[in-house]
Protein backbone atom coordinates (compact mmCIF):
# COMPACT_ATOMS: atom_id res chain seq x y z
CA UNK A 1 -0.10 -0.13 0.02
CA UNK A 2 3.14 2.06 0.06
CA UNK A 3 4.36 3.80 -2.61
CA UNK A 4 7.95 5.43 -3.37
CA UNK A 5 7.55 9.02 -4.47
CA UNK A 6 9.66 11.56 -5.63
CA UNK A 7 8.03 14.72 -3.78
CA UNK A 8 10.52 14.59 -0.90
CA UNK A 9 13.88 15.99 -0.59
CA UNK A 10 15.63 13.69 1.89
CA UNK A 11 15.89 10.10 0.85
CA UNK A 12 12.61 7.76 0.00
CA UNK A 13 10.43 8.00 2.61
CA UNK A 14 7.43 5.98 3.07
CA UNK A 15 4.43 7.71 1.81
CA UNK A 16 1.04 6.27 0.71
CA UNK A 17 0.27 6.95 -2.90
CA UNK A 18 -3.11 8.44 -1.94
CA UNK A 19 -1.28 11.14 0.17
CA UNK A 20 -0.42 14.69 -1.50
CA UNK A 21 3.20 15.86 -0.60
CA UNK A 22 4.30 19.42 -1.82
CA UNK A 23 7.58 19.58 -3.78
CA UNK A 24 9.15 21.77 -0.88
CA UNK A 25 8.30 19.41 2.01
CA UNK A 26 11.30 17.88 3.41
CA UNK A 27 10.31 14.26 4.93
CA UNK A 28 12.80 12.05 6.56
CA UNK A 29 13.64 8.54 5.16
CA UNK A 30 12.39 6.81 8.15
CA UNK A 31 9.36 8.54 8.51
CA UNK A 32 5.62 7.39 7.14
CA UNK A 33 2.83 9.74 5.63
CA UNK A 34 -0.55 7.64 5.58
CA UNK A 35 -3.32 7.93 2.80
CA UNK A 36 -5.07 11.07 2.45
CA UNK A 37 -2.53 13.24 4.31
CA UNK A 38 -1.77 16.61 2.76
CA UNK A 39 1.85 17.83 3.55
CA UNK A 40 2.16 21.80 2.35
CA UNK A 41 4.77 23.83 1.22
CA UNK A 42 8.16 23.82 3.66
CA UNK A 43 6.82 21.14 6.27
CA UNK A 44 9.29 19.01 7.80
CA UNK A 45 8.54 15.81 9.24
CA UNK A 46 11.46 14.27 10.91
CA UNK A 47 13.03 10.80 11.49
CA UNK A 48 10.50 7.98 12.71
CA UNK A 49 7.51 10.20 12.98
CA UNK A 50 4.10 9.22 11.83
CA UNK A 51 1.56 10.90 10.03
CA UNK A 52 -1.92 9.45 10.26
CA UNK A 53 -4.75 9.05 7.80
CA UNK A 54 -6.21 12.69 6.34
CA UNK A 55 -3.96 14.76 8.41
CA UNK A 56 -3.33 18.14 7.13
CA UNK A 57 0.30 19.58 7.68
CA UNK A 58 0.12 23.00 6.71
CA UNK A 59 3.04 25.58 5.51
CA UNK A 60 6.22 25.75 7.53
CA UNK A 61 5.24 23.18 10.05
CA UNK A 62 7.73 21.20 11.94
CA UNK A 63 7.64 17.80 13.58
CA UNK A 64 10.48 16.28 15.67
CA UNK A 65 11.66 12.87 15.54
CA UNK A 66 9.49 9.86 16.50
CA UNK A 67 6.30 11.89 17.06
CA UNK A 68 2.94 10.11 16.16
CA UNK A 69 0.31 12.32 14.67
CA UNK A 70 -3.14 10.43 14.69
CA UNK A 71 -5.85 10.47 12.07
CA UNK A 72 -7.76 13.70 10.93
CA UNK A 73 -5.27 16.06 13.05
CA UNK A 74 -4.75 19.47 11.41
CA UNK A 75 -1.59 21.31 12.51
CA UNK A 76 -1.57 25.03 10.78
CA UNK A 77 0.94 26.98 9.30
CA UNK A 78 4.37 27.52 10.74
CA UNK A 79 3.51 25.64 14.08
CA UNK A 80 6.53 23.67 15.98
CA UNK A 81 5.95 20.06 17.52
CA UNK A 82 9.10 18.82 19.24
CA UNK A 83 10.29 15.08 19.48
CA UNK A 84 8.36 12.24 20.98
CA UNK A 85 5.08 13.96 20.71
CA UNK A 86 1.85 12.13 20.76
CA UNK A 87 -1.39 13.86 19.13
CA UNK A 88 -4.57 11.86 19.14
CA UNK A 89 -7.32 12.15 16.61
CA UNK A 90 -9.06 15.07 15.65
CA UNK A 91 -6.82 17.50 17.38
CA UNK A 92 -6.32 21.12 15.71
CA UNK A 93 -3.21 23.05 16.53
CA UNK A 94 -2.76 26.45 15.25
CA UNK A 95 -6.19 27.51 14.77
CA UNK A 96 -7.03 31.41 15.13
CA UNK A 97 -8.55 32.18 18.74
CA UNK A 98 -11.50 33.79 19.62
CA UNK A 99 -10.04 37.15 19.10
CA UNK A 100 -12.35 39.99 18.46
CA UNK A 101 -12.88 43.55 18.63
CA UNK A 102 -15.79 45.89 18.26
CA UNK A 103 -15.95 48.67 15.61
CA UNK A 104 -17.19 52.42 16.23
CA UNK A 105 -20.57 50.43 15.22
CA UNK A 106 -20.40 47.91 17.69
CA UNK A 107 -20.01 45.30 15.04
CA UNK A 108 -17.60 42.65 15.89
CA UNK A 109 -14.10 42.54 13.82
CA UNK A 110 -11.71 39.47 14.15
CA UNK A 111 -8.19 39.84 15.16
CA UNK A 112 -5.39 38.58 13.11
CA UNK A 113 -3.44 35.78 14.93
CA UNK A 114 0.10 36.29 13.96
CA UNK A 115 2.10 33.99 15.99
CA UNK A 116 2.40 30.07 16.40
CA UNK A 117 1.88 27.42 18.63
CA UNK A 118 5.38 25.94 20.08
CA UNK A 119 5.39 22.42 21.49
CA UNK A 120 8.27 20.90 23.44
CA UNK A 121 9.41 16.97 23.71
CA UNK A 122 7.21 14.29 25.20
CA UNK A 123 4.28 16.03 24.68
CA UNK A 124 0.54 14.33 24.56
CA UNK A 125 -2.23 15.93 23.05
CA UNK A 126 -5.81 14.18 23.37
CA UNK A 127 -8.13 13.84 20.61
CA UNK A 128 -10.60 16.78 19.57
CA UNK A 129 -8.59 18.98 21.78
CA UNK A 130 -7.81 22.34 20.44
CA UNK A 131 -4.62 24.85 20.81
CA UNK A 132 -5.06 28.37 19.35
CA UNK A 133 -2.20 30.31 17.81
CA UNK A 134 -1.04 33.31 19.37
CA UNK A 135 -2.10 36.69 18.68
CA UNK A 136 1.59 38.18 18.12
CA UNK A 137 3.79 36.21 20.68
CA UNK A 138 3.32 32.35 20.40
CA UNK A 139 1.18 29.78 22.47
CA UNK A 140 3.77 27.51 24.02
CA UNK A 141 3.39 23.96 25.39
CA UNK A 142 6.58 22.80 27.25
CA UNK A 143 8.37 19.72 27.63
CA UNK A 144 6.26 16.69 29.30
CA UNK A 145 2.95 18.34 29.34
CA UNK A 146 -0.11 15.92 29.35
CA UNK A 147 -3.36 17.14 27.80
CA UNK A 148 -6.53 15.10 27.80
CA UNK A 149 -9.29 14.90 25.45
CA UNK A 150 -11.20 18.01 24.71
CA UNK A 151 -9.32 20.40 26.06
CA UNK A 152 -9.39 23.97 24.92
CA UNK A 153 -6.45 25.93 25.41
CA UNK A 154 -6.65 29.71 23.59
CA UNK A 155 -4.23 32.08 22.31
CA UNK A 156 -0.77 32.88 24.21
CA UNK A 157 -1.17 30.59 26.86
CA UNK A 158 2.08 29.25 28.32
CA UNK A 159 1.99 25.83 30.24
CA UNK A 160 5.16 24.53 32.23
CA UNK A 161 7.09 21.50 32.12
CA UNK A 162 5.31 18.32 33.04
CA UNK A 163 2.06 19.98 34.05
CA UNK A 164 -1.03 17.45 33.25
CA UNK A 165 -4.60 18.72 32.08
CA UNK A 166 -7.60 16.59 32.13
CA UNK A 167 -10.68 16.61 29.74
CA UNK A 168 -13.16 19.44 28.92
CA UNK A 169 -10.88 21.80 30.79
CA UNK A 170 -10.92 25.50 29.23
CA UNK A 171 -7.92 28.10 29.53
CA UNK A 172 -8.72 31.50 28.18
CA UNK A 173 -5.78 33.83 26.47
CA UNK A 174 -2.69 34.86 28.01
CA UNK A 175 -2.83 32.46 31.06
CA UNK A 176 0.51 31.16 32.38
CA UNK A 177 0.29 27.57 34.22
CA UNK A 178 3.66 26.58 35.73
CA UNK A 179 5.88 23.59 36.02
CA UNK A 180 4.25 19.98 37.69
CA UNK A 181 0.45 21.50 37.86
CA UNK A 182 -2.46 19.08 37.85
CA UNK A 183 -5.84 20.63 36.42
CA UNK A 184 -8.89 18.50 36.86
CA UNK A 185 -11.42 17.81 34.65
CA UNK A 186 -14.02 20.72 33.44
CA UNK A 187 -11.87 23.36 35.32
CA UNK A 188 -12.21 26.65 33.85
CA UNK A 189 -9.50 29.18 33.87
CA UNK A 190 -10.27 32.83 33.38
CA UNK A 191 -7.62 34.73 30.78
CA UNK A 192 -4.67 37.07 31.93
CA UNK A 193 -4.17 34.95 35.03
CA UNK A 194 -0.90 33.28 36.40
CA UNK A 195 -0.84 29.83 38.22
CA UNK A 196 2.43 29.16 40.23
CA UNK A 197 4.37 25.77 39.95
CA UNK A 198 3.02 22.57 41.74
CA UNK A 199 -0.55 23.57 42.14
CA UNK A 200 -3.48 21.14 41.87
CA UNK A 201 -6.62 22.37 40.73
CA UNK A 202 -9.95 20.07 41.58
CA UNK A 203 -12.33 18.99 39.01
CA UNK A 204 -15.27 21.53 37.89
CA UNK A 205 -13.39 24.69 39.73
CA UNK A 206 -13.36 28.30 38.07
CA UNK A 207 -9.65 29.95 38.63
CA UNK A 208 -10.85 33.60 38.41
CA UNK A 209 -7.34 34.85 40.21
CA UNK A 210 -3.79 34.51 40.00
CA UNK A 211 -2.29 31.59 42.10
CA UNK A 212 0.69 32.36 43.90
CA UNK A 213 1.55 29.54 46.39
CA UNK A 214 1.83 25.65 45.44
CA UNK A 215 -1.03 23.78 46.94
CA UNK A 216 -4.87 22.09 46.36
CA UNK A 217 -7.31 24.57 45.21
CA UNK A 218 -11.13 23.89 44.96
CA UNK A 219 -13.48 26.64 43.60
CA UNK A 220 -16.90 25.85 42.93
CA UNK A 221 -20.16 27.23 43.89
CA UNK A 222 -23.93 26.09 43.87
CA UNK A 223 -25.74 27.57 40.93
CA UNK A 224 -27.83 30.78 41.76
CA UNK A 225 -28.82 33.88 40.20
CA UNK A 226 -26.04 36.24 39.39
CA UNK A 227 -27.32 39.07 41.86
CA UNK A 228 -27.49 36.32 44.77
CA UNK A 229 -23.89 34.94 43.60
CA UNK A 230 -22.42 38.69 43.99
CA UNK A 231 -23.71 38.81 47.36
CA UNK A 232 -23.01 35.31 48.69
CA UNK A 233 -19.39 35.68 47.19
CA UNK A 234 -19.20 39.10 49.20
CA UNK A 235 -20.11 37.09 52.40
CA UNK A 236 -17.91 34.40 51.74
CA UNK A 237 -14.95 36.77 51.61
CA UNK A 238 -15.41 38.49 54.72
CA UNK A 239 -16.30 34.92 56.76
CA UNK A 240 -12.50 35.07 58.71
CA UNK A 241 -13.08 38.51 59.71
CA UNK A 242 -16.78 37.87 61.03
CA UNK A 243 -15.58 34.91 62.80
CA UNK A 244 -12.87 36.85 64.76
CA UNK A 245 -15.18 39.57 65.22
CA UNK A 246 -17.70 37.44 66.82
CA UNK A 247 -14.86 35.36 69.07
CA UNK A 248 -13.88 38.63 70.31
CA UNK A 249 -17.44 39.77 71.23
CA UNK A 250 -18.06 35.97 72.92
CA UNK A 251 -14.64 36.38 75.03
CA UNK A 252 -16.00 39.60 76.18
CA UNK A 253 -19.34 38.48 77.14
CA UNK A 254 -17.67 35.92 79.36
């Protein structure tokens, strides 16, 4: 089923005869490209890497040695993957993020995303996960990061080494997550935040402030009207002060 082809510049790679490979793509002679895959101009597939069926590898994408790209994965222009990465079917790396601004007529206008997604070595990316490219700077996933299925990572997010993120987590733009963190399933992380190293966030929590100290964090609340939530939240933040005040009053009564 594999056919030799002369659409490459580094030896005779094993490329299925139903794949489409641009003349300027560089594919190592030990790489594999499956049926229906499209490898566009200037893309580089390194030694021992596998490109699954129906993948789209866009212009100037670079994939490091011994990486596996599952079926129907799209890696968009100029994104970089390191060595020994594992990308499961349906993932999209490098799509434009949800960047919009209102014009003077209050209509939404999309903002161009000029950055890339840069992924380190030994990174795993789950099925149907999406990682958006940066607006100007890059979105960066450092070495050893493990990302589950159905995770959304927005533009300009930075994720530190050996952090693990469970399914259905959403990380808004320009958030930085430190090293060795563990993010539970269905966590929502607000944009423009910083989470330090060695933080555990329990499942279904909402992170809406910076986390500056390592530890285990939980943040969820029963569903209620927004006005009720604001009132309850105000009192919750004052519970320590209220408790201290009441303790002083009780001591004085004695």
